[in-house]
Amino acid sequence: MPATSSLIKKLAAKFPYLTFSEGAYAHWTPTERVVYYNSNEPHAEWVILHETAHGILDHHTYSRDIELIKLERQAWDYAAETLAPLFGIPIDNEFIEAQLDTYRDWLHIKSTCPSCQSNGIEQTKQQYLCPHCGQTWQTNTGINVGIRRFKQTAVPAAPKIK
C-alpha cells in the first residue's frame, strides 16, 4: 500500500496535531485525536481524507442522531473540496453519496416505530416518539453495531369522536 503510506506521511506532516494509526476500520477518535485507517479497505485514501477532515474540523459529539449526518456531510465536503485537491486525490461524488446513504439508512431504521412502522421523532438523545401511534422507544448507540430499538410504554391514543 505505498500510495496510502505516502498519503499518511503527507497528512502527518501537514497536520502534526493529529495522530494517524492503522486500525481494523477507519474512524476518528476525538478524545485521542487519532485518525484510524485501514489500508486494505476499498478507496482507503478517500476514507483517510474523510476521517482526517473530522479531525481538522474538530468534530466531537452530537446530541441528536440527525446531527451525525450533518457532521458526516461536513467531513466529506471538506475532504472533497479542500483535502482532495491539496493532495491530488479526487474523490468520486457517487462514493461520497453511497457512504452518506449508510448513515441515512441507519437513521431511518432507528427512527422507524417498532409498533406501526411510521417514522418517529427523536425527542432527546436516542429517545424517539411516534406521532402516529404514540409509541416511544429508545435506541442503542453506535454506528458499527446492529441497531436495537427498545419499546417503552405507549401513550394512549386520543379517543375518536363519533
Protein backbone atom coordinates (compact mmCIF):
# COMPACT_ATOMS: atom_id res chain seq x y z
CA MET A 1 0.00 0.00 0.00
CA PRO A 2 2.64 2.56 -0.97
CA ALA A 3 0.08 5.21 -2.00
CA THR A 4 -1.66 5.01 1.38
CA SER A 5 1.65 5.13 3.22
CA SER A 6 2.72 8.17 1.24
CA LEU A 7 -0.57 9.94 1.95
CA ILE A 8 -0.30 9.23 5.68
CA LYS A 9 3.21 10.73 5.76
CA LYS A 10 1.99 13.86 3.96
CA LEU A 11 -1.03 14.23 6.24
CA ALA A 12 1.07 13.75 9.39
CA ALA A 13 3.49 16.44 8.19
CA LYS A 14 0.69 18.88 7.27
CA PHE A 15 -1.40 18.25 10.41
CA PRO A 16 1.04 17.45 13.23
CA TYR A 17 -1.70 17.86 15.86
CA LEU A 18 -3.35 14.68 14.54
CA THR A 19 -2.07 11.14 15.00
CA PHE A 20 -2.53 8.50 12.30
CA SER A 21 -2.71 4.83 13.18
CA GLU A 22 -3.56 1.62 11.30
CA GLY A 23 -6.70 0.02 12.69
CA ALA A 24 -9.35 -2.58 11.97
CA TYR A 25 -11.61 0.08 10.46
CA ALA A 26 -11.38 3.78 9.66
CA HIS A 27 -12.66 6.23 12.24
CA TRP A 28 -11.85 9.42 14.09
CA THR A 29 -11.43 9.42 17.87
CA PRO A 30 -11.73 12.99 19.13
CA THR A 31 -10.63 12.24 22.70
CA GLU A 32 -7.32 10.80 21.49
CA ARG A 33 -7.13 12.96 18.33
CA VAL A 34 -6.31 9.84 16.31
CA VAL A 35 -7.32 9.10 12.73
CA TYR A 36 -7.53 5.33 12.41
CA TYR A 37 -7.37 3.90 8.92
CA ASN A 38 -7.33 0.52 7.21
CA SER A 39 -5.06 0.44 4.17
CA ASN A 40 -6.82 -2.67 2.86
CA GLU A 41 -10.31 -1.24 2.58
CA PRO A 42 -11.60 -0.12 -0.82
CA HIS A 43 -10.83 3.52 -1.58
CA ALA A 44 -8.74 3.78 1.58
CA GLU A 45 -7.24 7.13 0.54
CA TRP A 46 -10.67 8.74 0.19
CA VAL A 47 -11.72 7.40 3.57
CA ILE A 48 -8.48 8.59 5.18
CA LEU A 49 -9.09 12.09 3.82
CA HIS A 50 -12.63 11.97 5.19
CA GLU A 51 -11.55 10.86 8.67
CA THR A 52 -8.79 13.48 8.63
CA ALA A 53 -11.43 16.10 7.83
CA HIS A 54 -13.28 15.11 11.02
CA GLY A 55 -10.08 15.84 12.93
CA ILE A 56 -9.38 19.15 11.20
CA LEU A 57 -12.99 20.25 11.72
CA ASP A 58 -12.68 19.19 15.38
CA HIS A 59 -15.78 17.01 15.30
CA HIS A 60 -16.57 15.62 18.74
CA THR A 61 -20.03 14.50 19.73
CA TYR A 62 -23.57 15.03 18.58
CA SER A 63 -26.72 15.42 20.64
CA ARG A 64 -29.23 14.08 18.08
CA ASP A 65 -28.85 11.32 15.51
CA ILE A 66 -29.65 13.72 12.65
CA GLU A 67 -26.62 15.81 13.68
CA LEU A 68 -24.36 12.89 12.88
CA ILE A 69 -25.43 13.07 9.24
CA LYS A 70 -24.59 16.79 9.26
CA LEU A 71 -21.10 16.05 10.66
CA GLU A 72 -20.56 13.33 8.07
CA ARG A 73 -21.63 15.66 5.25
CA GLN A 74 -19.29 18.38 6.53
CA ALA A 75 -16.36 15.96 6.68
CA TRP A 76 -16.99 14.59 3.19
CA ASP A 77 -17.39 18.10 1.76
CA TYR A 78 -14.14 19.24 3.38
CA ALA A 79 -12.33 16.12 2.22
CA ALA A 80 -13.56 16.51 -1.37
CA GLU A 81 -13.31 20.28 -1.70
CA THR A 82 -10.19 21.06 0.35
CA LEU A 83 -8.07 17.99 1.11
CA ALA A 84 -8.51 16.07 -2.15
CA PRO A 85 -7.24 18.94 -4.34
CA LEU A 86 -4.44 19.66 -1.86
CA PHE A 87 -3.13 16.10 -2.13
CA GLY A 88 -4.10 15.45 -5.76
CA ILE A 89 -6.62 12.72 -4.91
CA PRO A 90 -10.03 13.48 -6.43
CA ILE A 91 -12.90 11.77 -4.59
CA ASP A 92 -15.79 10.34 -6.59
CA ASN A 93 -19.08 12.01 -5.60
CA GLU A 94 -21.03 8.77 -6.05
CA PHE A 95 -18.77 7.16 -3.45
CA ILE A 96 -19.48 10.03 -1.05
CA GLU A 97 -23.23 9.70 -1.54
CA ALA A 98 -23.04 5.92 -1.03
CA GLN A 99 -21.19 6.50 2.24
CA LEU A 100 -23.75 9.08 3.35
CA ASP A 101 -26.54 6.67 2.39
CA THR A 102 -25.30 4.26 5.05
CA TYR A 103 -25.94 6.96 7.67
CA ARG A 104 -29.29 7.90 6.15
CA ASP A 105 -30.33 4.23 6.22
CA TRP A 106 -29.08 3.96 9.82
CA LEU A 107 -31.18 6.96 10.84
CA HIS A 108 -34.24 5.67 9.01
CA ILE A 109 -34.07 2.32 10.81
CA LYS A 110 -33.53 3.97 14.20
CA SER A 111 -36.46 6.34 13.67
CA THR A 112 -38.91 3.70 12.45
CA CYS A 113 -41.59 2.96 15.04
CA PRO A 114 -41.32 -0.64 16.26
CA SER A 115 -45.12 -0.78 16.62
CA CYS A 116 -46.58 0.76 13.47
CA GLN A 117 -43.53 1.35 11.22
CA SER A 118 -44.19 5.12 10.90
CA ASN A 119 -41.25 7.49 11.22
CA GLY A 120 -40.74 8.84 14.69
CA ILE A 121 -39.13 11.95 16.07
CA GLU A 122 -36.04 11.92 18.25
CA GLN A 123 -37.11 13.90 21.31
CA THR A 124 -33.91 13.54 23.31
CA LYS A 125 -30.72 11.64 22.53
CA GLN A 126 -31.75 8.14 21.39
CA GLN A 127 -35.34 8.60 22.67
CA TYR A 128 -37.95 8.52 19.94
CA LEU A 129 -41.70 9.17 19.80
CA CYS A 130 -44.09 8.05 17.08
CA PRO A 131 -46.52 10.86 16.18
CA HIS A 132 -48.86 8.29 14.64
CA CYS A 133 -49.42 5.74 17.42
CA GLY A 134 -47.77 7.36 20.45
CA GLN A 135 -45.21 4.58 20.93
CA THR A 136 -41.93 5.64 22.48
CA TRP A 137 -38.67 3.77 22.14
CA GLN A 138 -35.01 4.05 22.95
CA THR A 139 -32.22 3.07 20.60
CA ASN A 140 -28.72 1.84 21.26
CA THR A 141 -25.61 3.81 20.47
CA GLY A 142 -23.03 3.15 17.84
CA ILE A 143 -22.81 3.16 14.09
CA ASN A 144 -20.90 -0.07 13.58
CA VAL A 145 -23.28 -2.19 15.67
CA GLY A 146 -26.66 -3.69 14.96
CA ILE A 147 -29.46 -1.25 15.65
CA ARG A 148 -31.69 -2.15 18.58
CA ARG A 149 -34.95 -0.45 19.49
CA PHE A 150 -36.42 -0.90 22.96
CA LYS A 151 -40.13 -0.14 23.30
CA GLN A 152 -41.29 1.95 26.17
CA THR A 153 -44.88 2.45 27.27
CA ALA A 154 -47.14 3.75 24.56
CA VAL A 155 -49.07 6.96 25.07
CA PRO A 156 -52.78 6.17 24.81
CA ALA A 157 -54.35 7.39 21.59
CA ALA A 158 -56.90 10.20 21.81
CA PRO A 159 -60.49 8.92 21.84
CA LYS A 160 -62.24 9.01 18.49
CA ILE A 161 -65.06 11.48 18.14
CA LYS A 162 -68.27 9.96 16.82
